[in-house]
Amino acid sequence: MTMTPPPQRGGLGDWLLSRTGLATAVAVAILAFLIATGHRAHLLGALPYLLLLACPLMHLFMHGGHGGHGSHDDTQHDRQTRE
């Protein structure tokens, strides 16, 4: 008679629902709240600079969606300016 191993449960979802996973999630949530409230002045002080930094980064990374600046058809515009 051969014995088959029991089915493996494992996985992140099972661990999060265990006692250890729930305790870890609660501890991380409490620590995140304490750090956020303790350093609120630092975070809010950096917010204007982060917004200014976001503008050029969005310009660089989001122009790929419409082909950049080189996809315009300038041949018709050139003909109209010559006439």
N, C-alpha and C. Protein backbone atom coordinates (compact mmCIF):
# COMPACT_ATOMS: atom_id res chain seq x y z
N MET A 1 0.84 -1.17 0.00
CA MET A 1 0.00 0.00 0.00
C MET A 1 0.89 1.24 0.00
N THR A 2 0.67 2.12 -1.00
CA THR A 2 1.46 3.35 -1.06
C THR A 2 0.69 4.47 -0.40
N MET A 3 1.45 5.29 0.28
CA MET A 3 0.80 6.40 0.97
C MET A 3 1.04 7.68 0.17
N THR A 4 -0.01 8.43 -0.04
CA THR A 4 0.10 9.70 -0.75
C THR A 4 0.22 10.82 0.27
N PRO A 5 1.05 11.80 -0.04
CA PRO A 5 1.20 12.90 0.92
C PRO A 5 -0.09 13.73 0.97
N PRO A 6 -0.33 14.37 2.09
CA PRO A 6 -1.53 15.22 2.18
C PRO A 6 -1.41 16.41 1.25
N PRO A 7 -2.53 16.97 0.80
CA PRO A 7 -2.45 18.12 -0.12
C PRO A 7 -1.79 19.31 0.56
N GLN A 8 -1.00 20.01 -0.22
CA GLN A 8 -0.27 21.18 0.29
C GLN A 8 -1.22 22.37 0.32
N ARG A 9 -1.24 23.07 1.43
CA ARG A 9 -2.09 24.26 1.52
C ARG A 9 -1.25 25.48 1.19
N GLY A 10 -0.32 25.84 1.98
CA GLY A 10 0.63 26.92 1.73
C GLY A 10 0.05 28.14 1.03
N GLY A 11 0.90 29.09 0.75
CA GLY A 11 0.50 30.28 0.03
C GLY A 11 0.37 31.47 0.96
N LEU A 12 0.37 32.64 0.36
CA LEU A 12 0.32 33.88 1.13
C LEU A 12 -1.03 34.08 1.78
N GLY A 13 -2.10 33.74 1.12
CA GLY A 13 -3.44 33.92 1.68
C GLY A 13 -3.65 33.12 2.94
N ASP A 14 -3.16 31.89 2.95
CA ASP A 14 -3.29 31.07 4.15
C ASP A 14 -2.46 31.63 5.29
N TRP A 15 -1.28 32.14 4.98
CA TRP A 15 -0.43 32.68 6.03
C TRP A 15 -1.04 33.94 6.64
N LEU A 16 -1.62 34.81 5.80
CA LEU A 16 -2.21 36.04 6.32
C LEU A 16 -3.40 35.76 7.23
N LEU A 17 -4.11 34.68 7.01
CA LEU A 17 -5.26 34.35 7.83
C LEU A 17 -4.88 33.56 9.09
N SER A 18 -3.61 33.20 9.24
CA SER A 18 -3.18 32.51 10.44
C SER A 18 -3.00 33.52 11.58
N ARG A 19 -2.80 33.02 12.79
CA ARG A 19 -2.61 33.90 13.94
C ARG A 19 -1.36 34.76 13.77
N THR A 20 -0.30 34.15 13.30
CA THR A 20 0.95 34.88 13.11
C THR A 20 0.79 35.96 12.04
N GLY A 21 0.12 35.64 10.95
CA GLY A 21 -0.09 36.60 9.88
C GLY A 21 -0.95 37.77 10.33
N LEU A 22 -2.02 37.51 11.06
CA LEU A 22 -2.87 38.58 11.56
C LEU A 22 -2.12 39.47 12.55
N ALA A 23 -1.33 38.85 13.43
CA ALA A 23 -0.55 39.65 14.39
C ALA A 23 0.48 40.51 13.68
N THR A 24 1.10 39.97 12.65
CA THR A 24 2.08 40.74 11.89
C THR A 24 1.40 41.89 11.15
N ALA A 25 0.24 41.64 10.55
CA ALA A 25 -0.48 42.69 9.82
C ALA A 25 -0.91 43.81 10.77
N VAL A 26 -1.38 43.46 11.95
CA VAL A 26 -1.78 44.47 12.93
C VAL A 26 -0.57 45.28 13.39
N ALA A 27 0.55 44.61 13.65
CA ALA A 27 1.76 45.31 14.08
C ALA A 27 2.26 46.25 13.00
N VAL A 28 2.24 45.84 11.75
CA VAL A 28 2.68 46.70 10.64
C VAL A 28 1.74 47.90 10.50
N ALA A 29 0.45 47.69 10.65
CA ALA A 29 -0.50 48.79 10.56
C ALA A 29 -0.28 49.81 11.68
N ILE A 30 -0.05 49.33 12.90
CA ILE A 30 0.21 50.23 14.02
C ILE A 30 1.50 51.00 13.81
N LEU A 31 2.55 50.32 13.38
CA LEU A 31 3.83 51.00 13.13
C LEU A 31 3.71 52.02 12.01
N ALA A 32 2.98 51.70 10.96
CA ALA A 32 2.81 52.65 9.86
C ALA A 32 2.06 53.88 10.33
N PHE A 33 1.05 53.70 11.17
CA PHE A 33 0.30 54.84 11.70
C PHE A 33 1.19 55.71 12.58
N LEU A 34 1.97 55.10 13.46
CA LEU A 34 2.84 55.87 14.34
C LEU A 34 3.92 56.62 13.57
N ILE A 35 4.49 56.00 12.57
CA ILE A 35 5.51 56.67 11.76
C ILE A 35 4.90 57.81 10.97
N ALA A 36 3.72 57.59 10.41
CA ALA A 36 3.07 58.65 9.62
C ALA A 36 2.70 59.85 10.49
N THR A 37 2.17 59.59 11.68
CA THR A 37 1.79 60.72 12.54
C THR A 37 3.01 61.40 13.13
N GLY A 38 4.06 60.67 13.41
CA GLY A 38 5.27 61.25 13.99
C GLY A 38 6.07 62.07 13.00
N HIS A 39 5.98 61.74 11.73
CA HIS A 39 6.78 62.42 10.70
C HIS A 39 5.91 63.20 9.73
N ARG A 40 4.72 63.59 10.16
CA ARG A 40 3.80 64.30 9.28
C ARG A 40 4.39 65.61 8.77
N ALA A 41 5.09 66.34 9.63
CA ALA A 41 5.67 67.61 9.20
C ALA A 41 6.71 67.40 8.11
N HIS A 42 7.50 66.34 8.22
CA HIS A 42 8.51 66.07 7.19
C HIS A 42 7.84 65.67 5.88
N LEU A 43 6.81 64.84 5.98
CA LEU A 43 6.13 64.39 4.76
C LEU A 43 5.42 65.54 4.06
N LEU A 44 4.72 66.38 4.83
CA LEU A 44 4.01 67.49 4.22
C LEU A 44 4.97 68.58 3.73
N GLY A 45 6.13 68.70 4.36
CA GLY A 45 7.12 69.68 3.90
C GLY A 45 7.72 69.30 2.56
N ALA A 46 7.80 68.02 2.28
CA ALA A 46 8.37 67.55 1.02
C ALA A 46 7.33 67.48 -0.10
N LEU A 47 6.06 67.63 0.23
CA LEU A 47 5.00 67.48 -0.76
C LEU A 47 5.11 68.45 -1.94
N PRO A 48 5.38 69.75 -1.73
CA PRO A 48 5.51 70.63 -2.91
C PRO A 48 6.64 70.23 -3.84
N TYR A 49 7.75 69.78 -3.27
CA TYR A 49 8.88 69.35 -4.10
C TYR A 49 8.55 68.07 -4.86
N LEU A 50 7.79 67.18 -4.23
CA LEU A 50 7.39 65.96 -4.92
C LEU A 50 6.44 66.27 -6.08
N LEU A 51 5.57 67.25 -5.90
CA LEU A 51 4.69 67.65 -7.01
C LEU A 51 5.48 68.26 -8.15
N LEU A 52 6.47 69.10 -7.82
CA LEU A 52 7.32 69.68 -8.87
C LEU A 52 8.14 68.62 -9.58
N LEU A 53 8.57 67.62 -8.85
CA LEU A 53 9.33 66.53 -9.46
C LEU A 53 8.44 65.65 -10.33
N ALA A 54 7.17 65.56 -9.98
CA ALA A 54 6.26 64.71 -10.75
C ALA A 54 6.01 65.27 -12.14
N CYS A 55 6.06 66.59 -12.31
CA CYS A 55 5.77 67.19 -13.62
C CYS A 55 6.76 66.74 -14.71
N PRO A 56 8.08 66.90 -14.51
CA PRO A 56 8.98 66.44 -15.57
C PRO A 56 8.98 64.92 -15.73
N LEU A 57 8.76 64.19 -14.65
CA LEU A 57 8.73 62.74 -14.77
C LEU A 57 7.51 62.29 -15.58
N MET A 58 6.37 62.91 -15.35
CA MET A 58 5.20 62.57 -16.15
C MET A 58 5.41 62.97 -17.61
N HIS A 59 6.07 64.07 -17.84
CA HIS A 59 6.34 64.50 -19.21
C HIS A 59 7.22 63.48 -19.93
N LEU A 60 8.23 62.99 -19.23
CA LEU A 60 9.15 62.02 -19.85
C LEU A 60 8.47 60.68 -20.12
N PHE A 61 7.72 60.20 -19.15
CA PHE A 61 7.20 58.84 -19.25
C PHE A 61 5.84 58.75 -19.94
N MET A 62 5.11 59.83 -20.04
CA MET A 62 3.76 59.73 -20.59
C MET A 62 3.66 60.19 -22.04
N HIS A 63 4.72 60.69 -22.62
CA HIS A 63 4.67 61.09 -24.02
C HIS A 63 4.75 59.90 -24.97
N GLY A 64 5.09 58.75 -24.47
CA GLY A 64 5.16 57.57 -25.33
C GLY A 64 3.81 57.13 -25.84
N GLY A 65 2.73 57.56 -25.21
CA GLY A 65 1.41 57.12 -25.60
C GLY A 65 0.92 57.71 -26.91
N HIS A 66 1.38 58.90 -27.29
CA HIS A 66 0.89 59.49 -28.53
C HIS A 66 1.98 59.65 -29.57
N GLY A 67 3.09 58.99 -29.39
CA GLY A 67 4.12 58.99 -30.41
C GLY A 67 5.14 60.09 -30.27
N GLY A 68 5.11 60.83 -29.20
CA GLY A 68 6.10 61.88 -29.01
C GLY A 68 5.81 63.09 -29.87
N HIS A 69 6.82 63.92 -30.05
CA HIS A 69 6.65 65.17 -30.80
C HIS A 69 7.00 65.01 -32.28
N GLY A 70 7.53 63.89 -32.69
CA GLY A 70 7.98 63.75 -34.06
C GLY A 70 6.95 63.14 -34.99
N SER A 71 5.72 62.92 -34.54
CA SER A 71 4.76 62.22 -35.38
C SER A 71 3.83 63.16 -36.13
N HIS A 72 4.06 64.46 -36.09
CA HIS A 72 3.18 65.40 -36.78
C HIS A 72 3.52 65.43 -38.28
N ASP A 73 2.51 65.62 -39.09
CA ASP A 73 2.70 65.67 -40.53
C ASP A 73 2.92 67.13 -40.93
N ASP A 74 4.16 67.51 -41.17
CA ASP A 74 4.50 68.90 -41.47
C ASP A 74 4.55 69.20 -42.97
N THR A 75 4.30 68.22 -43.81
CA THR A 75 4.43 68.46 -45.25
C THR A 75 3.35 69.40 -45.75
N GLN A 76 2.14 69.27 -45.27
CA GLN A 76 1.07 70.17 -45.70
C GLN A 76 1.32 71.58 -45.17
N HIS A 77 1.84 71.69 -43.96
CA HIS A 77 2.13 73.01 -43.39
C HIS A 77 3.23 73.70 -44.20
N ASP A 78 4.24 72.94 -44.64
CA ASP A 78 5.32 73.53 -45.44
C ASP A 78 4.79 74.04 -46.78
N ARG A 79 3.86 73.31 -47.42
CA ARG A 79 3.32 73.76 -48.69
C ARG A 79 2.53 75.04 -48.55
N GLN A 80 1.79 75.17 -47.47
CA GLN A 80 0.98 76.36 -47.30
C GLN A 80 1.85 77.58 -47.02
N THR A 81 2.96 77.42 -46.35
CA THR A 81 3.82 78.58 -46.05
C THR A 81 4.60 79.03 -47.29
N ARG A 82 4.84 78.13 -48.25
CA ARG A 82 5.59 78.50 -49.45
C ARG A 82 4.70 79.26 -50.43
N GLU A 83 3.40 79.02 -50.40
CA GLU A 83 2.51 79.64 -51.40
C GLU A 83 2.21 81.06 -51.10
